[in-house]
Amino acid sequence: MDYLQLKMLHMTLALLSLLFFVVRAGLALQGSAWLARRWMRIAPHVIDTLLLLAGLKLMVLLRAWPHETPWLAAKLIGLVIYIGLGAVAIRRRKPLAMVGAVLVFIYIVGAAMQHSALSWLV
C-alpha cells in the first residue's frame, strides 16, 4: 500500500469512527437497546484499532515522531481526550461530553490538515 492509499484509508477510518460515535451517542441519549448488541460494542474498537494502526504506519512511513512534530503530538493528545470524552458521553449519557468529543475530533482534523498544533486557527 503506497502513501496516498494509506492516507485515504486513515481518513476514511477517521470519518467512520466519527460517524459511528455520533450514531452511538444518539442511541445512548435515547436509551436504546441497540447499544447492548454485540456488534455495536465491538465495531468501534475494530474501526479505531485499524485507524490507529494506519496512523502509526503513516507516522513510520513519513518518519514523523511526536517528540519532533508538534502537530502530531497535539493530534495524539487530542485523541486521548476524544476517547475519554467519548467514553463519558456514551456510558453516562452526557450531551456536553458528546459535543466536546466532536469538537476535539474537529480539532484533531484541523491539526492534521494544517500541520499545526493551532489547528484551524492557522
PDB file of N, CA and C in Angstrom:
ATOM      1  N   MET A   1       0.853  -1.170   0.000  1.00  0.00           N
ATOM      2  CA  MET A   1       0.000   0.000   0.000  1.00  0.00           C
ATOM      3  C   MET A   1       0.901   1.236   0.000  1.00  0.00           C
ATOM      4  N   ASP A   2       0.672   2.119  -0.944  1.00  0.00           N
ATOM      5  CA  ASP A   2       1.501   3.324  -1.022  1.00  0.00           C
ATOM      6  C   ASP A   2       0.968   4.412  -0.079  1.00  0.00           C
ATOM      7  N   TYR A   3       1.702   5.518  -0.005  1.00  0.00           N
ATOM      8  CA  TYR A   3       1.374   6.598   0.922  1.00  0.00           C
ATOM      9  C   TYR A   3      -0.044   7.124   0.719  1.00  0.00           C
ATOM     10  N   LEU A   4      -0.413   7.419  -0.503  1.00  0.00           N
ATOM     11  CA  LEU A   4      -1.718   8.018  -0.770  1.00  0.00           C
ATOM     12  C   LEU A   4      -2.854   7.069  -0.374  1.00  0.00           C
ATOM     13  N   GLN A   5      -2.713   5.786  -0.681  1.00  0.00           N
ATOM     14  CA  GLN A   5      -3.732   4.814  -0.299  1.00  0.00           C
ATOM     15  C   GLN A   5      -3.858   4.710   1.224  1.00  0.00           C
ATOM     16  N   LEU A   6      -2.701   4.710   1.879  1.00  0.00           N
ATOM     17  CA  LEU A   6      -2.692   4.621   3.341  1.00  0.00           C
ATOM     18  C   LEU A   6      -3.326   5.866   3.959  1.00  0.00           C
ATOM     19  N   LYS A   7      -3.013   7.026   3.405  1.00  0.00           N
ATOM     20  CA  LYS A   7      -3.597   8.277   3.905  1.00  0.00           C
ATOM     21  C   LYS A   7      -5.115   8.267   3.707  1.00  0.00           C
ATOM     22  N   MET A   8      -5.574   7.814   2.551  1.00  0.00           N
ATOM     23  CA  MET A   8      -7.014   7.754   2.289  1.00  0.00           C
ATOM     24  C   MET A   8      -7.701   6.749   3.219  1.00  0.00           C
ATOM     25  N   LEU A   9      -7.048   5.626   3.473  1.00  0.00           N
ATOM     26  CA  LEU A   9      -7.594   4.646   4.412  1.00  0.00           C
ATOM     27  C   LEU A   9      -7.719   5.266   5.804  1.00  0.00           C
ATOM     28  N   HIS A  10      -6.679   5.960   6.245  1.00  0.00           N
ATOM     29  CA  HIS A  10      -6.681   6.610   7.554  1.00  0.00           C
ATOM     30  C   HIS A  10      -7.815   7.632   7.652  1.00  0.00           C
ATOM     31  N   MET A  11      -7.972   8.432   6.630  1.00  0.00           N
ATOM     32  CA  MET A  11      -9.024   9.451   6.625  1.00  0.00           C
ATOM     33  C   MET A  11     -10.415   8.816   6.596  1.00  0.00           C
ATOM     34  N   THR A  12     -10.574   7.749   5.836  1.00  0.00           N
ATOM     35  CA  THR A  12     -11.859   7.047   5.765  1.00  0.00           C
ATOM     36  C   THR A  12     -12.208   6.423   7.112  1.00  0.00           C
ATOM     37  N   LEU A  13     -11.223   5.810   7.745  1.00  0.00           N
ATOM     38  CA  LEU A  13     -11.453   5.220   9.061  1.00  0.00           C
ATOM     39  C   LEU A  13     -11.774   6.292  10.099  1.00  0.00           C
ATOM     40  N   ALA A  14     -11.142   7.456   9.983  1.00  0.00           N
ATOM     41  CA  ALA A  14     -11.439   8.558  10.906  1.00  0.00           C
ATOM     42  C   ALA A  14     -12.895   8.997  10.739  1.00  0.00           C
ATOM     43  N   LEU A  15     -13.330   9.124   9.508  1.00  0.00           N
ATOM     44  CA  LEU A  15     -14.719   9.508   9.257  1.00  0.00           C
ATOM     45  C   LEU A  15     -15.689   8.448   9.780  1.00  0.00           C
ATOM     46  N   LEU A  16     -15.376   7.181   9.548  1.00  0.00           N
ATOM     47  CA  LEU A  16     -16.213   6.092  10.072  1.00  0.00           C
ATOM     48  C   LEU A  16     -16.256   6.122  11.596  1.00  0.00           C
ATOM     49  N   SER A  17     -15.124   6.391  12.210  1.00  0.00           N
ATOM     50  CA  SER A  17     -15.057   6.465  13.663  1.00  0.00           C
ATOM     51  C   SER A  17     -15.976   7.566  14.183  1.00  0.00           C
ATOM     52  N   LEU A  18     -15.916   8.735  13.566  1.00  0.00           N
ATOM     53  CA  LEU A  18     -16.765   9.845  13.986  1.00  0.00           C
ATOM     54  C   LEU A  18     -18.243   9.529  13.752  1.00  0.00           C
ATOM     55  N   LEU A  19     -18.570   9.024  12.577  1.00  0.00           N
ATOM     56  CA  LEU A  19     -19.964   8.716  12.269  1.00  0.00           C
ATOM     57  C   LEU A  19     -20.518   7.666  13.234  1.00  0.00           C
ATOM     58  N   PHE A  20     -19.729   6.647  13.507  1.00  0.00           N
ATOM     59  CA  PHE A  20     -20.169   5.599  14.416  1.00  0.00           C
ATOM     60  C   PHE A  20     -20.337   6.156  15.821  1.00  0.00           C
ATOM     61  N   PHE A  21     -19.436   7.059  16.223  1.00  0.00           N
ATOM     62  CA  PHE A  21     -19.571   7.685  17.542  1.00  0.00           C
ATOM     63  C   PHE A  21     -20.871   8.483  17.631  1.00  0.00           C
ATOM     64  N   VAL A  22     -21.160   9.281  16.614  1.00  0.00           N
ATOM     65  CA  VAL A  22     -22.366  10.115  16.626  1.00  0.00           C
ATOM     66  C   VAL A  22     -23.622   9.236  16.702  1.00  0.00           C
ATOM     67  N   VAL A  23     -23.632   8.155  15.940  1.00  0.00           N
ATOM     68  CA  VAL A  23     -24.785   7.239  15.982  1.00  0.00           C
ATOM     69  C   VAL A  23     -24.918   6.627  17.373  1.00  0.00           C
ATOM     70  N   ARG A  24     -23.811   6.141  17.923  1.00  0.00           N
ATOM     71  CA  ARG A  24     -23.860   5.516  19.251  1.00  0.00           C
ATOM     72  C   ARG A  24     -24.227   6.521  20.331  1.00  0.00           C
ATOM     73  N   ALA A  25     -23.739   7.745  20.209  1.00  0.00           N
ATOM     74  CA  ALA A  25     -24.083   8.786  21.188  1.00  0.00           C
ATOM     75  C   ALA A  25     -25.582   9.080  21.130  1.00  0.00           C
ATOM     76  N   GLY A  26     -26.119   9.159  19.926  1.00  0.00           N
ATOM     77  CA  GLY A  26     -27.556   9.383  19.773  1.00  0.00           C
ATOM     78  C   GLY A  26     -28.366   8.243  20.365  1.00  0.00           C
ATOM     79  N   LEU A  27     -27.925   7.025  20.135  1.00  0.00           N
ATOM     80  CA  LEU A  27     -28.615   5.863  20.704  1.00  0.00           C
ATOM     81  C   LEU A  27     -28.526   5.867  22.227  1.00  0.00           C
ATOM     82  N   ALA A  28     -27.373   6.298  22.752  1.00  0.00           N
ATOM     83  CA  ALA A  28     -27.203   6.364  24.206  1.00  0.00           C
ATOM     84  C   ALA A  28     -28.177   7.368  24.804  1.00  0.00           C
ATOM     85  N   LEU A  29     -28.326   8.513  24.158  1.00  0.00           N
ATOM     86  CA  LEU A  29     -29.258   9.534  24.655  1.00  0.00           C
ATOM     87  C   LEU A  29     -30.692   9.016  24.683  1.00  0.00           C
ATOM     88  N   GLN A  30     -31.020   8.177  23.715  1.00  0.00           N
ATOM     89  CA  GLN A  30     -32.374   7.617  23.637  1.00  0.00           C
ATOM     90  C   GLN A  30     -32.554   6.416  24.562  1.00  0.00           C
ATOM     91  N   GLY A  31     -31.458   5.929  25.138  1.00  0.00           N
ATOM     92  CA  GLY A  31     -31.540   4.742  25.981  1.00  0.00           C
ATOM     93  C   GLY A  31     -31.839   3.490  25.172  1.00  0.00           C
ATOM     94  N   SER A  32     -31.389   3.470  23.932  1.00  0.00           N
ATOM     95  CA  SER A  32     -31.694   2.371  23.022  1.00  0.00           C
ATOM     96  C   SER A  32     -30.998   1.070  23.416  1.00  0.00           C
ATOM     97  N   ALA A  33     -31.714  -0.018  23.232  1.00  0.00           N
ATOM     98  CA  ALA A  33     -31.163  -1.348  23.491  1.00  0.00           C
ATOM     99  C   ALA A  33     -30.148  -1.756  22.431  1.00  0.00           C
ATOM    100  N   TRP A  34     -30.118  -1.030  21.320  1.00  0.00           N
ATOM    101  CA  TRP A  34     -29.159  -1.334  20.246  1.00  0.00           C
ATOM    102  C   TRP A  34     -27.714  -1.271  20.751  1.00  0.00           C
ATOM    103  N   LEU A  35     -27.450  -0.405  21.715  1.00  0.00           N
ATOM    104  CA  LEU A  35     -26.084  -0.281  22.230  1.00  0.00           C
ATOM    105  C   LEU A  35     -25.598  -1.561  22.900  1.00  0.00           C
ATOM    106  N   ALA A  36     -26.504  -2.389  23.356  1.00  0.00           N
ATOM    107  CA  ALA A  36     -26.133  -3.633  24.033  1.00  0.00           C
ATOM    108  C   ALA A  36     -25.810  -4.750  23.051  1.00  0.00           C
ATOM    109  N   ARG A  37     -26.113  -4.543  21.786  1.00  0.00           N
ATOM    110  CA  ARG A  37     -25.829  -5.597  20.796  1.00  0.00           C
ATOM    111  C   ARG A  37     -24.321  -5.788  20.657  1.00  0.00           C
ATOM    112  N   ARG A  38     -23.937  -7.029  20.479  1.00  0.00           N
ATOM    113  CA  ARG A  38     -22.514  -7.384  20.430  1.00  0.00           C
ATOM    114  C   ARG A  38     -21.754  -6.606  19.363  1.00  0.00           C
ATOM    115  N   TRP A  39     -22.289  -6.524  18.155  1.00  0.00           N
ATOM    116  CA  TRP A  39     -21.569  -5.856  17.071  1.00  0.00           C
ATOM    117  C   TRP A  39     -21.432  -4.354  17.328  1.00  0.00           C
ATOM    118  N   MET A  40     -22.392  -3.767  18.068  1.00  0.00           N
ATOM    119  CA  MET A  40     -22.312  -2.341  18.390  1.00  0.00           C
ATOM    120  C   MET A  40     -21.234  -2.076  19.430  1.00  0.00           C
ATOM    121  N   ARG A  41     -20.908  -3.071  20.230  1.00  0.00           N
ATOM    122  CA  ARG A  41     -19.840  -2.915  21.221  1.00  0.00           C
ATOM    123  C   ARG A  41     -18.478  -3.184  20.611  1.00  0.00           C
ATOM    124  N   ILE A  42     -18.427  -4.075  19.617  1.00  0.00           N
ATOM    125  CA  ILE A  42     -17.146  -4.495  19.038  1.00  0.00           C
ATOM    126  C   ILE A  42     -16.705  -3.591  17.886  1.00  0.00           C
ATOM    127  N   ALA A  43     -17.620  -3.193  17.031  1.00  0.00           N
ATOM    128  CA  ALA A  43     -17.280  -2.426  15.820  1.00  0.00           C
ATOM    129  C   ALA A  43     -16.440  -1.178  16.081  1.00  0.00           C
ATOM    130  N   PRO A  44     -16.765  -0.361  17.090  1.00  0.00           N
ATOM    131  CA  PRO A  44     -15.946   0.835  17.293  1.00  0.00           C
ATOM    132  C   PRO A  44     -14.495   0.505  17.628  1.00  0.00           C
ATOM    133  N   HIS A  45     -14.284  -0.582  18.352  1.00  0.00           N
ATOM    134  CA  HIS A  45     -12.915  -0.974  18.703  1.00  0.00           C
ATOM    135  C   HIS A  45     -12.150  -1.441  17.463  1.00  0.00           C
ATOM    136  N   VAL A  46     -12.831  -2.158  16.584  1.00  0.00           N
ATOM    137  CA  VAL A  46     -12.197  -2.615  15.346  1.00  0.00           C
ATOM    138  C   VAL A  46     -11.830  -1.407  14.471  1.00  0.00           C
ATOM    139  N   ILE A  47     -12.781  -0.508  14.287  1.00  0.00           N
ATOM    140  CA  ILE A  47     -12.547   0.682  13.465  1.00  0.00           C
ATOM    141  C   ILE A  47     -11.416   1.519  14.044  1.00  0.00           C
ATOM    142  N   ASP A  48     -11.464   1.773  15.349  1.00  0.00           N
ATOM    143  CA  ASP A  48     -10.459   2.632  15.980  1.00  0.00           C
ATOM    144  C   ASP A  48      -9.082   1.976  16.013  1.00  0.00           C
ATOM    145  N   THR A  49      -9.034   0.652  16.149  1.00  0.00           N
ATOM    146  CA  THR A  49      -7.746  -0.047  16.103  1.00  0.00           C
ATOM    147  C   THR A  49      -7.134   0.057  14.712  1.00  0.00           C
ATOM    148  N   LEU A  50      -7.954  -0.157  13.682  1.00  0.00           N
ATOM    149  CA  LEU A  50      -7.449  -0.026  12.304  1.00  0.00           C
ATOM    150  C   LEU A  50      -7.017   1.413  12.023  1.00  0.00           C
ATOM    151  N   LEU A  51      -7.763   2.380  12.538  1.00  0.00           N
ATOM    152  CA  LEU A  51      -7.415   3.793  12.381  1.00  0.00           C
ATOM    153  C   LEU A  51      -6.060   4.077  13.022  1.00  0.00           C
ATOM    154  N   LEU A  52      -5.866   3.593  14.235  1.00  0.00           N
ATOM    155  CA  LEU A  52      -4.601   3.805  14.932  1.00  0.00           C
ATOM    156  C   LEU A  52      -3.443   3.111  14.216  1.00  0.00           C
ATOM    157  N   LEU A  53      -3.659   1.901  13.742  1.00  0.00           N
ATOM    158  CA  LEU A  53      -2.602   1.184  13.012  1.00  0.00           C
ATOM    159  C   LEU A  53      -2.231   1.903  11.716  1.00  0.00           C
ATOM    160  N   ALA A  54      -3.231   2.398  11.001  1.00  0.00           N
ATOM    161  CA  ALA A  54      -2.945   3.154   9.772  1.00  0.00           C
ATOM    162  C   ALA A  54      -2.174   4.429  10.106  1.00  0.00           C
ATOM    163  N   GLY A  55      -2.560   5.101  11.204  1.00  0.00           N
ATOM    164  CA  GLY A  55      -1.847   6.307  11.624  1.00  0.00           C
ATOM    165  C   GLY A  55      -0.411   6.012  12.010  1.00  0.00           C
ATOM    166  N   LEU A  56      -0.193   4.907  12.721  1.00  0.00           N
ATOM    167  CA  LEU A  56       1.168   4.526  13.100  1.00  0.00           C
ATOM    168  C   LEU A  56       2.016   4.199  11.885  1.00  0.00           C
ATOM    169  N   LYS A  57       1.405   3.510  10.930  1.00  0.00           N
ATOM    170  CA  LYS A  57       2.144   3.185   9.701  1.00  0.00           C
ATOM    171  C   LYS A  57       2.500   4.461   8.929  1.00  0.00           C
ATOM    172  N   LEU A  58       1.574   5.417   8.882  1.00  0.00           N
ATOM    173  CA  LEU A  58       1.863   6.698   8.244  1.00  0.00           C
ATOM    174  C   LEU A  58       2.999   7.419   8.964  1.00  0.00           C
ATOM    175  N   MET A  59       2.969   7.381  10.288  1.00  0.00           N
ATOM    176  CA  MET A  59       3.997   8.033  11.082  1.00  0.00           C
ATOM    177  C   MET A  59       5.379   7.448  10.768  1.00  0.00           C
ATOM    178  N   VAL A  60       5.452   6.131  10.693  1.00  0.00           N
ATOM    179  CA  VAL A  60       6.719   5.465  10.387  1.00  0.00           C
ATOM    180  C   VAL A  60       7.144   5.764   8.948  1.00  0.00           C
ATOM    181  N   LEU A  61       6.192   5.686   8.029  1.00  0.00           N
ATOM    182  CA  LEU A  61       6.483   5.945   6.624  1.00  0.00           C
ATOM    183  C   LEU A  61       7.037   7.355   6.418  1.00  0.00           C
ATOM    184  N   LEU A  62       6.462   8.320   7.120  1.00  0.00           N
ATOM    185  CA  LEU A  62       6.886   9.721   6.991  1.00  0.00           C
ATOM    186  C   LEU A  62       8.030  10.077   7.933  1.00  0.00           C
ATOM    187  N   ARG A  63       8.351   9.147   8.817  1.00  0.00           N
ATOM    188  CA  ARG A  63       9.372   9.400   9.836  1.00  0.00           C
ATOM    189  C   ARG A  63       9.050  10.664  10.623  1.00  0.00           C
ATOM    190  N   ALA A  64       7.790  10.769  10.992  1.00  0.00           N
ATOM    191  CA  ALA A  64       7.301  11.902  11.778  1.00  0.00           C
ATOM    192  C   ALA A  64       7.033  11.393  13.189  1.00  0.00           C
ATOM    193  N   TRP A  65       7.813  11.852  14.147  1.00  0.00           N
ATOM    194  CA  TRP A  65       7.695  11.388  15.520  1.00  0.00           C
ATOM    195  C   TRP A  65       7.079  12.493  16.377  1.00  0.00           C
ATOM    196  N   PRO A  66       6.202  12.123  17.301  1.00  0.00           N
ATOM    197  CA  PRO A  66       5.508  13.133  18.111  1.00  0.00           C
ATOM    198  C   PRO A  66       6.444  14.082  18.866  1.00  0.00           C
ATOM    199  N   HIS A  67       7.591  13.589  19.333  1.00  0.00           N
ATOM    200  CA  HIS A  67       8.506  14.456  20.075  1.00  0.00           C
ATOM    201  C   HIS A  67       9.242  15.446  19.166  1.00  0.00           C
ATOM    202  N   GLU A  68       9.159  15.237  17.865  1.00  0.00           N
ATOM    203  CA  GLU A  68       9.795  16.145  16.896  1.00  0.00           C
ATOM    204  C   GLU A  68       8.784  16.928  16.070  1.00  0.00           C
ATOM    205  N   THR A  69       7.529  16.527  16.122  1.00  0.00           N
ATOM    206  CA  THR A  69       6.488  17.098  15.272  1.00  0.00           C
ATOM    207  C   THR A  69       5.326  17.563  16.160  1.00  0.00           C
ATOM    208  N   PRO A  70       5.305  18.856  16.510  1.00  0.00           N
ATOM    209  CA  PRO A  70       4.294  19.345  17.455  1.00  0.00           C
ATOM    210  C   PRO A  70       2.847  19.068  17.045  1.00  0.00           C
ATOM    211  N   TRP A  71       2.517  19.180  15.761  1.00  0.00           N
ATOM    212  CA  TRP A  71       1.131  18.945  15.350  1.00  0.00           C
ATOM    213  C   TRP A  71       0.742  17.485  15.562  1.00  0.00           C
ATOM    214  N   LEU A  72       1.696  16.575  15.399  1.00  0.00           N
ATOM    215  CA  LEU A  72       1.416  15.162  15.616  1.00  0.00           C
ATOM    216  C   LEU A  72       1.234  14.876  17.106  1.00  0.00           C
ATOM    217  N   ALA A  73       2.055  15.493  17.930  1.00  0.00           N
ATOM    218  CA  ALA A  73       1.900  15.346  19.376  1.00  0.00           C
ATOM    219  C   ALA A  73       0.537  15.886  19.814  1.00  0.00           C
ATOM    220  N   ALA A  74       0.151  17.043  19.275  1.00  0.00           N
ATOM    221  CA  ALA A  74      -1.151  17.637  19.609  1.00  0.00           C
ATOM    222  C   ALA A  74      -2.284  16.723  19.169  1.00  0.00           C
ATOM    223  N   LYS A  75      -2.121  16.116  18.017  1.00  0.00           N
ATOM    224  CA  LYS A  75      -3.134  15.200  17.497  1.00  0.00           C
ATOM    225  C   LYS A  75      -3.290  13.982  18.411  1.00  0.00           C
ATOM    226  N   LEU A  76      -2.201  13.447  18.899  1.00  0.00           N
ATOM    227  CA  LEU A  76      -2.248  12.287  19.792  1.00  0.00           C
ATOM    228  C   LEU A  76      -2.841  12.649  21.157  1.00  0.00           C
ATOM    229  N   ILE A  77      -2.495  13.817  21.673  1.00  0.00           N
ATOM    230  CA  ILE A  77      -3.093  14.278  22.931  1.00  0.00           C
ATOM    231  C   ILE A  77      -4.601  14.477  22.729  1.00  0.00           C
ATOM    232  N   GLY A  78      -4.961  15.059  21.592  1.00  0.00           N
ATOM    233  CA  GLY A  78      -6.376  15.223  21.261  1.00  0.00           C
ATOM    234  C   GLY A  78      -7.092  13.888  21.189  1.00  0.00           C
ATOM    235  N   LEU A  79      -6.427  12.886  20.658  1.00  0.00           N
ATOM    236  CA  LEU A  79      -7.025  11.550  20.563  1.00  0.00           C
ATOM    237  C   LEU A  79      -7.359  10.991  21.946  1.00  0.00           C
ATOM    238  N   VAL A  80      -6.451  11.153  22.881  1.00  0.00           N
ATOM    239  CA  VAL A  80      -6.688  10.672  24.245  1.00  0.00           C
ATOM    240  C   VAL A  80      -7.896  11.400  24.854  1.00  0.00           C
ATOM    241  N   ILE A  81      -7.976  12.708  24.632  1.00  0.00           N
ATOM    242  CA  ILE A  81      -9.104  13.491  25.149  1.00  0.00           C
ATOM    243  C   ILE A  81     -10.403  13.060  24.472  1.00  0.00           C
ATOM    244  N   TYR A  82     -10.354  12.853  23.150  1.00  0.00           N
ATOM    245  CA  TYR A  82     -11.529  12.401  22.388  1.00  0.00           C
ATOM    246  C   TYR A  82     -12.045  11.065  22.930  1.00  0.00           C
ATOM    247  N   ILE A  83     -11.137  10.141  23.183  1.00  0.00           N
ATOM    248  CA  ILE A  83     -11.533   8.828  23.704  1.00  0.00           C
ATOM    249  C   ILE A  83     -12.175   8.976  25.084  1.00  0.00           C
ATOM    250  N   GLY A  84     -11.569   9.786  25.934  1.00  0.00           N
ATOM    251  CA  GLY A  84     -12.120   9.995  27.275  1.00  0.00           C
ATOM    252  C   GLY A  84     -13.501  10.625  27.245  1.00  0.00           C
ATOM    253  N   LEU A  85     -13.651  11.683  26.457  1.00  0.00           N
ATOM    254  CA  LEU A  85     -14.954  12.338  26.346  1.00  0.00           C
ATOM    255  C   LEU A  85     -15.989  11.408  25.721  1.00  0.00           C
ATOM    256  N   GLY A  86     -15.561  10.639  24.724  1.00  0.00           N
ATOM    257  CA  GLY A  86     -16.470   9.697  24.075  1.00  0.00           C
ATOM    258  C   GLY A  86     -16.968   8.630  25.033  1.00  0.00           C
ATOM    259  N   ALA A  87     -16.074   8.145  25.873  1.00  0.00           N
ATOM    260  CA  ALA A  87     -16.466   7.124  26.859  1.00  0.00           C
ATOM    261  C   ALA A  87     -17.475   7.698  27.852  1.00  0.00           C
ATOM    262  N   VAL A  88     -17.207   8.904  28.332  1.00  0.00           N
ATOM    263  CA  VAL A  88     -18.139   9.557  29.266  1.00  0.00           C
ATOM    264  C   VAL A  88     -19.475   9.814  28.573  1.00  0.00           C
ATOM    265  N   ALA A  89     -19.409  10.281  27.339  1.00  0.00           N
ATOM    266  CA  ALA A  89     -20.620  10.622  26.593  1.00  0.00           C
ATOM    267  C   ALA A  89     -21.548   9.421  26.445  1.00  0.00           C
ATOM    268  N   ILE A  90     -20.988   8.279  26.107  1.00  0.00           N
ATOM    269  CA  ILE A  90     -21.826   7.108  25.831  1.00  0.00           C
ATOM    270  C   ILE A  90     -22.199   6.360  27.113  1.00  0.00           C
ATOM    271  N   ARG A  91     -21.247   6.173  28.006  1.00  0.00           N
ATOM    272  CA  ARG A  91     -21.543   5.415  29.227  1.00  0.00           C
ATOM    273  C   ARG A  91     -22.456   6.173  30.180  1.00  0.00           C
ATOM    274  N   ARG A  92     -22.241   7.482  30.265  1.00  0.00           N
ATOM    275  CA  ARG A  92     -23.027   8.267  31.237  1.00  0.00           C
ATOM    276  C   ARG A  92     -24.113   9.119  30.592  1.00  0.00           C
ATOM    277  N   ARG A  93     -24.207   9.021  29.266  1.00  0.00           N
ATOM    278  CA  ARG A  93     -25.236   9.767  28.517  1.00  0.00           C
ATOM    279  C   ARG A  93     -25.179  11.274  28.799  1.00  0.00           C
ATOM    280  N   LYS A  94     -23.985  11.835  28.613  1.00  0.00           N
ATOM    281  CA  LYS A  94     -23.760  13.253  28.876  1.00  0.00           C
ATOM    282  C   LYS A  94     -23.675  14.010  27.544  1.00  0.00           C
ATOM    283  N   PRO A  95     -24.695  14.778  27.197  1.00  0.00           N
ATOM    284  CA  PRO A  95     -24.690  15.510  25.930  1.00  0.00           C
ATOM    285  C   PRO A  95     -23.507  16.465  25.790  1.00  0.00           C
ATOM    286  N   LEU A  96     -23.104  17.106  26.891  1.00  0.00           N
ATOM    287  CA  LEU A  96     -21.978  18.038  26.812  1.00  0.00           C
ATOM    288  C   LEU A  96     -20.684  17.307  26.449  1.00  0.00           C
ATOM    289  N   ALA A  97     -20.503  16.110  26.973  1.00  0.00           N
ATOM    290  CA  ALA A  97     -19.326  15.308  26.630  1.00  0.00           C
ATOM    291  C   ALA A  97     -19.376  14.890  25.161  1.00  0.00           C
ATOM    292  N   MET A  98     -20.576  14.649  24.649  1.00  0.00           N
ATOM    293  CA  MET A  98     -20.729  14.285  23.239  1.00  0.00           C
ATOM    294  C   MET A  98     -20.293  15.441  22.338  1.00  0.00           C
ATOM    295  N   VAL A  99     -20.770  16.632  22.670  1.00  0.00           N
ATOM    296  CA  VAL A  99     -20.388  17.820  21.895  1.00  0.00           C
ATOM    297  C   VAL A  99     -18.890  18.046  22.016  1.00  0.00           C
ATOM    298  N   GLY A 100     -18.364  17.907  23.225  1.00  0.00           N
ATOM    299  CA  GLY A 100     -16.925  18.077  23.440  1.00  0.00           C
ATOM    300  C   GLY A 100     -16.107  17.101  22.620  1.00  0.00           C
ATOM    301  N   ALA A 101     -16.534  15.847  22.561  1.00  0.00           N
ATOM    302  CA  ALA A 101     -15.813  14.837  21.782  1.00  0.00           C
ATOM    303  C   ALA A 101     -15.788  15.208  20.301  1.00  0.00           C
ATOM    304  N   VAL A 102     -16.913  15.651  19.777  1.00  0.00           N
ATOM    305  CA  VAL A 102     -16.969  16.044  18.358  1.00  0.00           C
ATOM    306  C   VAL A 102     -16.077  17.262  18.110  1.00  0.00           C
ATOM    307  N   LEU A 103     -16.081  18.222  19.030  1.00  0.00           N
ATOM    308  CA  LEU A 103     -15.223  19.408  18.870  1.00  0.00           C
ATOM    309  C   LEU A 103     -13.742  19.033  18.914  1.00  0.00           C
ATOM    310  N   VAL A 104     -13.385  18.104  19.785  1.00  0.00           N
ATOM    311  CA  VAL A 104     -11.996  17.638  19.840  1.00  0.00           C
ATOM    312  C   VAL A 104     -11.645  16.908  18.549  1.00  0.00           C
ATOM    313  N   PHE A 105     -12.573  16.133  18.027  1.00  0.00           N
ATOM    314  CA  PHE A 105     -12.338  15.451  16.754  1.00  0.00           C
ATOM    315  C   PHE A 105     -12.063  16.474  15.648  1.00  0.00           C
ATOM    316  N   ILE A 106     -12.851  17.534  15.618  1.00  0.00           N
ATOM    317  CA  ILE A 106     -12.656  18.599  14.618  1.00  0.00           C
ATOM    318  C   ILE A 106     -11.291  19.254  14.808  1.00  0.00           C
ATOM    319  N   TYR A 107     -10.879  19.451  16.054  1.00  0.00           N
ATOM    320  CA  TYR A 107      -9.543  19.987  16.332  1.00  0.00           C
ATOM    321  C   TYR A 107      -8.466  19.059  15.761  1.00  0.00           C
ATOM    322  N   ILE A 108      -8.615  17.754  15.996  1.00  0.00           N
ATOM    323  CA  ILE A 108      -7.631  16.771  15.514  1.00  0.00           C
ATOM    324  C   ILE A 108      -7.520  16.842  13.987  1.00  0.00           C
ATOM    325  N   VAL A 109      -8.649  16.907  13.311  1.00  0.00           N
ATOM    326  CA  VAL A 109      -8.647  17.006  11.845  1.00  0.00           C
ATOM    327  C   VAL A 109      -7.925  18.283  11.416  1.00  0.00           C
ATOM    328  N   GLY A 110      -8.202  19.387  12.097  1.00  0.00           N
ATOM    329  CA  GLY A 110      -7.538  20.646  11.768  1.00  0.00           C
ATOM    330  C   GLY A 110      -6.038  20.581  11.982  1.00  0.00           C
ATOM    331  N   ALA A 111      -5.603  19.962  13.084  1.00  0.00           N
ATOM    332  CA  ALA A 111      -4.170  19.820  13.351  1.00  0.00           C
ATOM    333  C   ALA A 111      -3.504  19.007  12.246  1.00  0.00           C
ATOM    334  N   ALA A 112      -4.183  17.953  11.796  1.00  0.00           N
ATOM    335  CA  ALA A 112      -3.637  17.105  10.733  1.00  0.00           C
ATOM    336  C   ALA A 112      -3.590  17.851   9.402  1.00  0.00           C
ATOM    337  N   MET A 113      -4.658  18.562   9.076  1.00  0.00           N
ATOM    338  CA  MET A 113      -4.718  19.237   7.778  1.00  0.00           C
ATOM    339  C   MET A 113      -3.793  20.463   7.712  1.00  0.00           C
ATOM    340  N   GLN A 114      -3.711  21.193   8.811  1.00  0.00           N
ATOM    341  CA  GLN A 114      -2.897  22.408   8.834  1.00  0.00           C
ATOM    342  C   GLN A 114      -1.446  22.137   9.221  1.00  0.00           C
ATOM    343  N   HIS A 115      -1.160  20.920   9.687  1.00  0.00           N
ATOM    344  CA  HIS A 115       0.158  20.565  10.224  1.00  0.00           C
ATOM    345  C   HIS A 115       0.593  21.577  11.263  1.00  0.00           C
ATOM    346  N   SER A 116      -0.343  21.884  12.170  1.00  0.00           N
ATOM    347  CA  SER A 116      -0.099  22.847  13.228  1.00  0.00           C
ATOM    348  C   SER A 116      -0.908  22.463  14.456  1.00  0.00           C
ATOM    349  N   ALA A 117      -0.287  22.616  15.623  1.00  0.00           N
ATOM    350  CA  ALA A 117      -0.999  22.361  16.872  1.00  0.00           C
ATOM    351  C   ALA A 117      -2.082  23.413  17.092  1.00  0.00           C
ATOM    352  N   LEU A 118      -2.022  24.521  16.355  1.00  0.00           N
ATOM    353  CA  LEU A 118      -3.057  25.559  16.451  1.00  0.00           C
ATOM    354  C   LEU A 118      -4.319  25.172  15.688  1.00  0.00           C
ATOM    355  N   SER A 119      -4.230  24.056  14.972  1.00  0.00           N
ATOM    356  CA  SER A 119      -5.375  23.505  14.231  1.00  0.00           C
ATOM    357  C   SER A 119      -5.969  24.524  13.267  1.00  0.00           C
ATOM    358  N   TRP A 120      -7.239  24.822  13.415  1.00  0.00           N
ATOM    359  CA  TRP A 120      -7.945  25.696  12.486  1.00  0.00           C
ATOM    360  C   TRP A 120      -7.626  27.172  12.685  1.00  0.00           C
ATOM    361  N   LEU A 121      -6.871  27.518  13.727  1.00  0.00           N
ATOM    362  CA  LEU A 121      -6.549  28.915  13.988  1.00  0.00           C
ATOM    363  C   LEU A 121      -5.453  29.449  13.072  1.00  0.00           C
ATOM    364  N   VAL A 122      -4.793  28.551  12.357  1.00  0.00           N
ATOM    365  CA  VAL A 122      -3.703  28.971  11.453  1.00  0.00           C
ATOM    366  C   VAL A 122      -4.257  29.578  10.190  1.00  0.00           C
TER     367      VAL A 122
END
